Amino acid sequence: MKYILAIDSFKGCLSSAEAEAAVENAIREVVHDADVVCLPVSDGGEGMLDAFLSLSGGSRQKAFVHDAMMRRVEAEYGIGLDGTAFIESAASCGLTLIEPELRSPMRATSYGVGELVADAVRRGCRSFVVGLGGSAVSDAGIGMLRALTDAFADGGTMDDALNGVLGQCRFTLASDVRNPLYGPEGAACVYAPQKGSSPSDVAILDNRARRFADFSARHFGYDRSSEPGAGAAGGLGYAFMQYLGATVRSGADLLLDMAGFDSMLVGASCVITGEGRADRQTLMGKLPARVLSRARTAGVPVWLIAGSVDDASVLLESGFTRVEAVSPASMDTAEAMCPDTARANINETIKRMMI
């Protein structure tokens, strides 16, 4: 029996690798000689750096940058063996870096992301993969652009920066977000409330993004604000696309391609995927949905596990063979989020599914 594990992190609880280790241990308790292939994965958010470096090889780099509140922090990024830089935007402007009482998209800035890019450029990187999940910002990437201007055209403009080494760089954005920059489905309206914005703040942020896009369109003669992914990471996706010519790819697909996932499916008995919470939004380009699409093409059944599950019938109708919540409904959320408890719940769930 060959099992392929491609499980996203249980955010705030277990990393992708930790969740997969728990599943593997459970499988081997039932099928001692099982062939288990673990693929640490990410859709571009939490765990992206670990996942991509595990596939590409390379090294971790550290840089002192600023978080979303412009406080000095040490952040990591990776440089692959081929010189590609792997950057998690959340490493510098992540929501989890900011205390809940201090979270404010009206103030939060993506400046630190630009500092990470600049550090990698100085180390010789010209190719970048940037993950856009988990940010605390809604500044349309203006902070990131300011940091790049300060780094490569101090006292000048972004145009001046692009005329130098920055203009030689190529960017791929890893993101499962398809929202435009502004409007009812834009960055501020959809995501800013989750980051601490009031309704009045949302209106101001959305208007700011619209004005910035209008200015940028007049300046460049083209407008990428309505393209899918422009609203990712509070509009950071837009800034990369509009100013740096970035392309957007599903973070999950990018990683699965790097891993040779389609080839792994040959001879597989089952794929087990998962995430912290599964519901109908799982089907909107998230990692389990991308895993399902590829595995179904190869005729391999897919099991989905999650800390909690809503809309199980919808998920089953989409093609998952099994859908299971690992946390008992009666269990307190805080207890279920304890890593040791989560491992035990995963163990029991997988063994039950295999009987």
Protein backbone atom coordinates (compact mmCIF):
# COMPACT_ATOMS: atom_id res chain seq x y z
CA MET A 1 0.00 0.00 0.00
CA LYS A 2 1.36 3.40 -1.02
CA TYR A 3 0.08 6.48 0.76
CA ILE A 4 0.98 10.04 -0.27
CA LEU A 5 0.62 12.70 2.41
CA ALA A 6 0.16 16.31 1.28
CA ILE A 7 -1.27 18.06 4.33
CA ASP A 8 -1.18 21.81 4.87
CA SER A 9 -0.36 23.22 8.29
CA PHE A 10 -2.97 23.25 11.03
CA LYS A 11 -2.37 26.96 11.58
CA GLY A 12 -1.34 27.86 15.10
CA CYS A 13 -1.10 24.19 16.02
CA LEU A 14 0.94 21.86 13.77
CA SER A 15 3.20 22.49 10.80
CA SER A 16 2.71 20.56 7.59
CA ALA A 17 5.58 18.23 8.50
CA GLU A 18 4.26 17.68 12.03
CA ALA A 19 0.74 16.87 10.82
CA GLU A 20 2.12 14.45 8.26
CA ALA A 21 4.35 12.76 10.84
CA ALA A 22 1.26 12.14 12.99
CA VAL A 23 -0.59 10.63 10.04
CA GLU A 24 2.39 8.47 9.07
CA ASN A 25 2.72 7.09 12.61
CA ALA A 26 -0.97 6.15 12.59
CA ILE A 27 -0.74 4.45 9.21
CA ARG A 28 2.25 2.36 10.30
CA GLU A 29 0.42 1.22 13.42
CA VAL A 30 -2.19 -0.35 11.13
CA VAL A 31 -0.10 -1.27 8.06
CA HIS A 32 3.43 -1.91 9.26
CA ASP A 33 5.03 -2.20 5.82
CA ALA A 34 3.13 0.68 4.19
CA ASP A 35 4.98 2.86 1.69
CA VAL A 36 4.36 6.39 3.01
CA VAL A 37 5.51 9.43 1.03
CA CYS A 38 5.46 12.70 3.00
CA LEU A 39 5.38 15.95 1.06
CA PRO A 40 5.57 19.07 3.28
CA VAL A 41 3.33 21.55 1.51
CA SER A 42 1.98 25.08 1.58
CA ASP A 43 -0.31 27.19 -0.58
CA GLY A 44 1.92 30.25 -0.16
CA GLY A 45 1.09 31.08 3.43
CA GLU A 46 2.43 29.68 6.68
CA GLY A 47 5.07 27.00 6.09
CA MET A 48 5.90 28.06 2.55
CA LEU A 49 9.58 28.61 3.27
CA ASP A 50 10.02 25.20 4.87
CA ALA A 51 8.17 23.48 2.05
CA PHE A 52 10.02 25.10 -0.82
CA LEU A 53 13.46 24.77 0.76
CA SER A 54 12.83 21.09 1.47
CA LEU A 55 12.32 20.59 -2.27
CA SER A 56 14.86 22.96 -3.75
CA GLY A 57 17.66 22.66 -1.23
CA GLY A 58 19.53 25.82 -0.37
CA SER A 59 19.93 27.84 2.77
CA ARG A 60 18.11 30.11 5.17
CA GLN A 61 19.06 33.74 5.44
CA LYS A 62 18.27 36.16 8.25
CA ALA A 63 17.72 39.88 7.96
CA PHE A 64 16.67 42.61 10.36
CA VAL A 65 13.57 44.25 8.91
CA HIS A 66 10.39 45.92 10.18
CA ASP A 67 7.10 44.28 11.04
CA ALA A 68 3.70 45.68 10.08
CA MET A 69 3.87 48.17 12.98
CA MET A 70 7.40 49.25 11.91
CA ARG A 71 9.04 47.51 14.84
CA ARG A 72 12.46 45.99 14.23
CA VAL A 73 12.33 42.19 13.88
CA GLU A 74 14.58 39.43 12.57
CA ALA A 75 13.01 37.56 9.67
CA GLU A 76 14.08 34.56 7.62
CA TYR A 77 13.89 33.83 3.92
CA GLY A 78 15.46 31.17 1.76
CA ILE A 79 17.80 31.02 -1.21
CA GLY A 80 17.58 27.85 -3.29
CA LEU A 81 20.55 26.13 -4.88
CA ASP A 82 19.64 27.79 -8.19
CA GLY A 83 19.70 31.25 -6.59
CA THR A 84 15.93 31.69 -6.35
CA ALA A 85 14.84 33.58 -3.25
CA PHE A 86 11.82 32.24 -1.36
CA ILE A 87 10.09 34.90 0.71
CA GLU A 88 7.08 34.58 3.00
CA SER A 89 5.47 37.99 3.28
CA ALA A 90 4.14 36.93 6.69
CA ALA A 91 7.72 36.62 7.98
CA SER A 92 7.84 40.41 8.13
CA CYS A 93 4.26 41.70 7.97
CA GLY A 94 2.41 38.68 9.33
CA LEU A 95 -0.74 39.02 11.40
CA THR A 96 0.57 36.63 14.04
CA LEU A 97 3.54 38.94 14.70
CA ILE A 98 1.19 41.65 15.96
CA GLU A 99 -0.56 41.50 19.32
CA PRO A 100 -4.35 41.38 18.84
CA GLU A 101 -4.88 44.69 20.60
CA LEU A 102 -2.38 46.43 18.28
CA ARG A 103 -3.69 45.13 14.96
CA SER A 104 -4.72 47.98 12.69
CA PRO A 105 -4.67 47.79 8.87
CA MET A 106 -5.02 51.57 8.86
CA ARG A 107 -1.45 51.75 10.22
CA ALA A 108 0.03 48.43 9.13
CA THR A 109 2.68 48.52 6.41
CA SER A 110 4.29 46.02 4.05
CA TYR A 111 7.63 47.87 4.30
CA GLY A 112 9.37 44.81 5.75
CA VAL A 113 8.58 42.72 2.67
CA GLY A 114 10.46 45.22 0.54
CA GLU A 115 13.38 45.03 2.96
CA LEU A 116 13.51 41.24 2.57
CA VAL A 117 13.46 41.55 -1.22
CA ALA A 118 16.22 44.17 -1.08
CA ASP A 119 18.38 41.95 1.12
CA ALA A 120 18.03 39.07 -1.32
CA VAL A 121 18.83 41.30 -4.28
CA ARG A 122 22.02 42.44 -2.54
CA ARG A 123 22.96 38.77 -2.11
CA GLY A 124 22.68 38.29 -5.87
CA CYS A 125 19.15 36.91 -6.23
CA ARG A 126 17.29 37.85 -9.39
CA SER A 127 14.48 35.28 -9.30
CA PHE A 128 11.88 35.38 -6.52
CA VAL A 129 8.97 33.30 -5.28
CA VAL A 130 6.90 35.33 -2.82
CA GLY A 131 4.19 33.79 -0.66
CA LEU A 132 1.32 36.13 0.12
CA GLY A 133 -0.58 34.45 2.94
CA GLY A 134 -1.20 35.58 6.51
CA SER A 135 -0.49 39.30 6.29
CA ALA A 136 -1.58 42.02 8.73
CA VAL A 137 -1.67 44.74 6.07
CA SER A 138 -4.06 46.42 3.69
CA ASP A 139 -1.77 49.06 2.21
CA ALA A 140 -1.87 47.96 -1.47
CA GLY A 141 1.84 47.19 -1.23
CA ILE A 142 2.79 50.86 -0.93
CA GLY A 143 5.04 50.12 2.04
CA MET A 144 6.89 47.42 0.11
CA LEU A 145 7.46 49.80 -2.82
CA ARG A 146 8.71 52.52 -0.47
CA ALA A 147 11.26 50.12 1.04
CA LEU A 148 12.55 49.16 -2.42
CA THR A 149 12.80 52.82 -3.38
CA ASP A 150 14.70 53.59 -0.19
CA ALA A 151 17.04 50.66 -0.86
CA PHE A 152 17.79 51.23 -4.54
CA ALA A 153 16.98 54.88 -5.23
CA ASP A 154 17.30 56.69 -1.92
CA GLY A 155 15.90 60.16 -2.46
CA GLY A 156 14.60 59.14 -5.89
CA THR A 157 11.51 57.36 -7.19
CA MET A 158 10.42 53.82 -7.87
CA ASP A 159 11.13 54.46 -11.54
CA ASP A 160 14.74 55.15 -10.62
CA ALA A 161 14.90 51.91 -8.67
CA LEU A 162 13.48 49.94 -11.59
CA ASN A 163 16.10 51.38 -13.91
CA GLY A 164 18.79 49.67 -11.85
CA VAL A 165 19.31 46.12 -10.64
CA LEU A 166 15.71 45.81 -9.44
CA GLY A 167 14.56 45.94 -13.05
CA GLN A 168 16.49 42.73 -13.71
CA CYS A 169 14.48 40.75 -11.15
CA ARG A 170 11.58 38.42 -11.92
CA PHE A 171 8.83 37.66 -9.42
CA THR A 172 6.36 34.80 -9.07
CA LEU A 173 3.63 35.20 -6.46
CA ALA A 174 2.43 32.09 -4.64
CA SER A 175 -1.16 32.67 -3.57
CA ASP A 176 -4.57 31.05 -3.59
CA VAL A 177 -6.35 34.42 -3.31
CA ARG A 178 -8.12 35.49 -6.52
CA ASN A 179 -9.62 38.78 -5.32
CA PRO A 180 -9.08 42.10 -7.14
CA LEU A 181 -7.44 45.04 -5.40
CA TYR A 182 -10.55 47.06 -4.52
CA GLY A 183 -14.34 46.96 -4.66
CA PRO A 184 -16.83 44.66 -2.90
CA GLU A 185 -14.57 41.63 -3.45
CA GLY A 186 -11.34 43.56 -2.93
CA ALA A 187 -8.61 43.36 -0.33
CA ALA A 188 -10.11 45.81 2.17
CA CYS A 189 -13.74 44.75 1.98
CA VAL A 190 -13.06 41.01 2.21
CA TYR A 191 -9.97 40.71 4.38
CA ALA A 192 -9.41 43.90 6.40
CA PRO A 193 -12.19 43.11 8.92
CA GLN A 194 -10.34 39.86 9.74
CA LYS A 195 -7.25 41.95 10.52
CA GLY A 196 -8.93 44.37 12.92
CA SER A 197 -10.61 47.01 10.70
CA SER A 198 -13.90 48.68 11.53
CA PRO A 199 -16.49 49.26 8.77
CA SER A 200 -15.43 52.90 8.48
CA ASP A 201 -11.78 51.82 8.22
CA VAL A 202 -12.68 49.42 5.43
CA ALA A 203 -14.24 52.20 3.38
CA ILE A 204 -11.15 54.39 3.81
CA LEU A 205 -8.76 51.56 2.92
CA ASP A 206 -10.76 50.60 -0.15
CA ASN A 207 -10.79 54.20 -1.35
CA ARG A 208 -7.04 54.50 -0.77
CA ALA A 209 -6.42 51.40 -2.86
CA ARG A 210 -8.67 52.70 -5.64
CA ARG A 211 -6.87 56.05 -5.74
CA PHE A 212 -3.46 54.37 -5.77
CA ALA A 213 -4.52 52.12 -8.64
CA ASP A 214 -5.84 55.13 -10.61
CA PHE A 215 -2.55 56.97 -10.11
CA SER A 216 -0.51 53.92 -11.08
CA ALA A 217 -2.59 53.24 -14.19
CA ARG A 218 -2.07 56.79 -15.41
CA HIS A 219 1.65 56.52 -14.73
CA PHE A 220 2.25 53.19 -16.49
CA GLY A 221 -0.53 53.20 -19.08
CA TYR A 222 -1.94 49.88 -17.88
CA ASP A 223 -3.89 48.66 -14.87
CA ARG A 224 -3.60 45.27 -13.16
CA SER A 225 -5.79 46.11 -10.18
CA SER A 226 -8.70 43.96 -11.33
CA GLU A 227 -6.63 40.88 -12.15
CA PRO A 228 -7.06 37.78 -9.96
CA GLY A 229 -4.65 37.93 -7.04
CA ALA A 230 -4.24 41.70 -6.97
CA GLY A 231 -6.04 41.75 -3.62
CA ALA A 232 -3.79 39.15 -2.01
CA ALA A 233 -2.01 40.18 1.22
CA GLY A 234 -3.91 43.44 1.49
CA GLY A 235 -3.06 44.44 -2.08
CA LEU A 236 0.60 43.46 -1.89
CA GLY A 237 -0.12 41.23 -4.86
CA TYR A 238 -1.17 44.28 -6.86
CA ALA A 239 2.05 46.19 -6.11
CA PHE A 240 4.19 43.27 -7.23
CA MET A 241 2.10 42.82 -10.38
CA GLN A 242 1.75 46.47 -11.36
CA TYR A 243 5.24 47.71 -10.50
CA LEU A 244 7.44 44.61 -10.72
CA GLY A 245 5.71 42.63 -13.46
CA ALA A 246 4.99 39.67 -11.20
CA THR A 247 2.98 36.67 -12.32
CA VAL A 248 0.56 34.89 -9.98
CA ARG A 249 0.40 31.14 -9.56
CA SER A 250 -1.43 28.90 -7.17
CA GLY A 251 1.09 28.35 -4.40
CA ALA A 252 -0.11 24.78 -4.11
CA ASP A 253 0.34 24.06 -7.81
CA LEU A 254 3.76 25.68 -7.83
CA LEU A 255 4.94 23.47 -5.00
CA LEU A 256 3.29 20.30 -6.33
CA ASP A 257 5.00 20.87 -9.67
CA MET A 258 8.36 21.31 -7.98
CA ALA A 259 7.82 18.08 -6.04
CA GLY A 260 6.84 16.05 -9.09
CA PHE A 261 3.53 15.22 -7.42
CA ASP A 262 1.91 13.85 -10.59
CA SER A 263 4.69 11.28 -10.94
CA MET A 264 4.34 10.33 -7.28
CA LEU A 265 0.72 9.34 -7.92
CA VAL A 266 1.76 6.37 -10.04
CA GLY A 267 0.94 3.24 -8.04
CA ALA A 268 -0.54 5.18 -5.11
CA SER A 269 -3.39 3.62 -3.16
CA CYS A 270 -4.53 6.83 -1.49
CA VAL A 271 -3.66 10.48 -1.02
CA ILE A 272 -4.31 12.08 2.36
CA THR A 273 -4.56 15.86 2.41
CA GLY A 274 -5.83 18.32 4.96
CA GLU A 275 -5.78 21.69 6.69
CA GLY A 276 -6.78 23.25 9.98
CA ARG A 277 -10.36 24.00 8.97
CA ALA A 278 -12.17 22.56 5.97
CA ASP A 279 -15.37 23.97 4.48
CA ARG A 280 -16.70 25.02 1.08
CA GLN A 281 -13.92 27.63 0.83
CA THR A 282 -11.46 24.73 0.71
CA LEU A 283 -12.64 24.21 -2.86
CA MET A 284 -11.66 27.76 -3.87
CA GLY A 285 -8.10 26.99 -4.93
CA LYS A 286 -6.74 25.92 -1.55
CA LEU A 287 -4.14 23.21 -1.35
CA PRO A 288 -6.50 20.27 -0.66
CA ALA A 289 -8.54 21.22 -3.72
CA ARG A 290 -5.44 21.31 -5.94
CA VAL A 291 -4.33 17.94 -4.56
CA LEU A 292 -7.81 16.53 -5.24
CA SER A 293 -7.85 17.78 -8.83
CA ARG A 294 -4.53 16.14 -9.68
CA ALA A 295 -5.23 12.89 -7.84
CA ARG A 296 -8.66 12.47 -9.46
CA THR A 297 -7.07 12.85 -12.88
CA ALA A 298 -4.76 9.96 -11.95
CA GLY A 299 -7.65 7.92 -10.53
CA VAL A 300 -6.32 7.97 -6.95
CA PRO A 301 -8.80 8.40 -4.07
CA VAL A 302 -8.26 11.35 -1.71
CA TRP A 303 -9.01 11.54 1.99
CA LEU A 304 -9.41 14.96 3.60
CA ILE A 305 -8.78 15.53 7.31
CA ALA A 306 -9.06 18.81 9.20
CA GLY A 307 -9.21 20.08 12.74
CA SER A 308 -12.82 21.02 12.11
CA VAL A 309 -15.13 20.45 9.15
CA ASP A 310 -18.17 22.31 7.88
CA ASP A 311 -20.05 21.59 4.64
CA ALA A 312 -18.88 17.97 4.64
CA SER A 313 -21.54 17.00 2.10
CA VAL A 314 -20.28 19.67 -0.31
CA LEU A 315 -16.72 18.43 0.08
CA LEU A 316 -17.74 14.84 -0.53
CA GLU A 317 -19.75 15.85 -3.61
CA SER A 318 -16.65 17.60 -4.97
CA GLY A 319 -14.81 14.28 -5.08
CA PHE A 320 -13.11 13.62 -1.74
CA THR A 321 -13.54 9.95 -0.86
CA ARG A 322 -13.51 10.56 2.89
CA VAL A 323 -13.87 13.79 4.91
CA GLU A 324 -13.17 13.68 8.64
CA ALA A 325 -12.77 16.20 11.45
CA VAL A 326 -10.02 15.06 13.79
CA SER A 327 -11.22 17.09 16.80
CA PRO A 328 -14.27 15.70 18.62
CA ALA A 329 -17.21 18.10 18.50
CA SER A 330 -17.35 18.11 22.30
CA MET A 331 -13.71 19.17 22.66
CA ASP A 332 -12.88 22.75 23.65
CA THR A 333 -11.11 24.64 20.86
CA ALA A 334 -8.18 25.62 23.06
CA GLU A 335 -7.64 21.99 24.01
CA ALA A 336 -7.97 20.83 20.39
CA MET A 337 -5.32 23.37 19.36
CA CYS A 338 -2.76 21.92 21.77
CA PRO A 339 -0.14 20.21 19.54
CA ASP A 340 -0.02 17.00 21.59
CA THR A 341 -3.80 16.78 21.61
CA ALA A 342 -3.95 17.41 17.87
CA ARG A 343 -1.42 14.64 17.23
CA ALA A 344 -3.45 12.23 19.34
CA ASN A 345 -6.67 13.21 17.56
CA ILE A 346 -5.05 12.72 14.16
CA ASN A 347 -3.74 9.33 15.24
CA GLU A 348 -7.15 8.12 16.35
CA THR A 349 -8.90 9.51 13.28
CA ILE A 350 -6.52 7.92 10.76
CA LYS A 351 -6.64 4.54 12.46
CA ARG A 352 -10.43 4.69 12.46
CA MET A 353 -10.50 5.60 8.76
CA MET A 354 -8.23 2.67 7.87
CA ILE A 355 -10.30 0.00 9.58
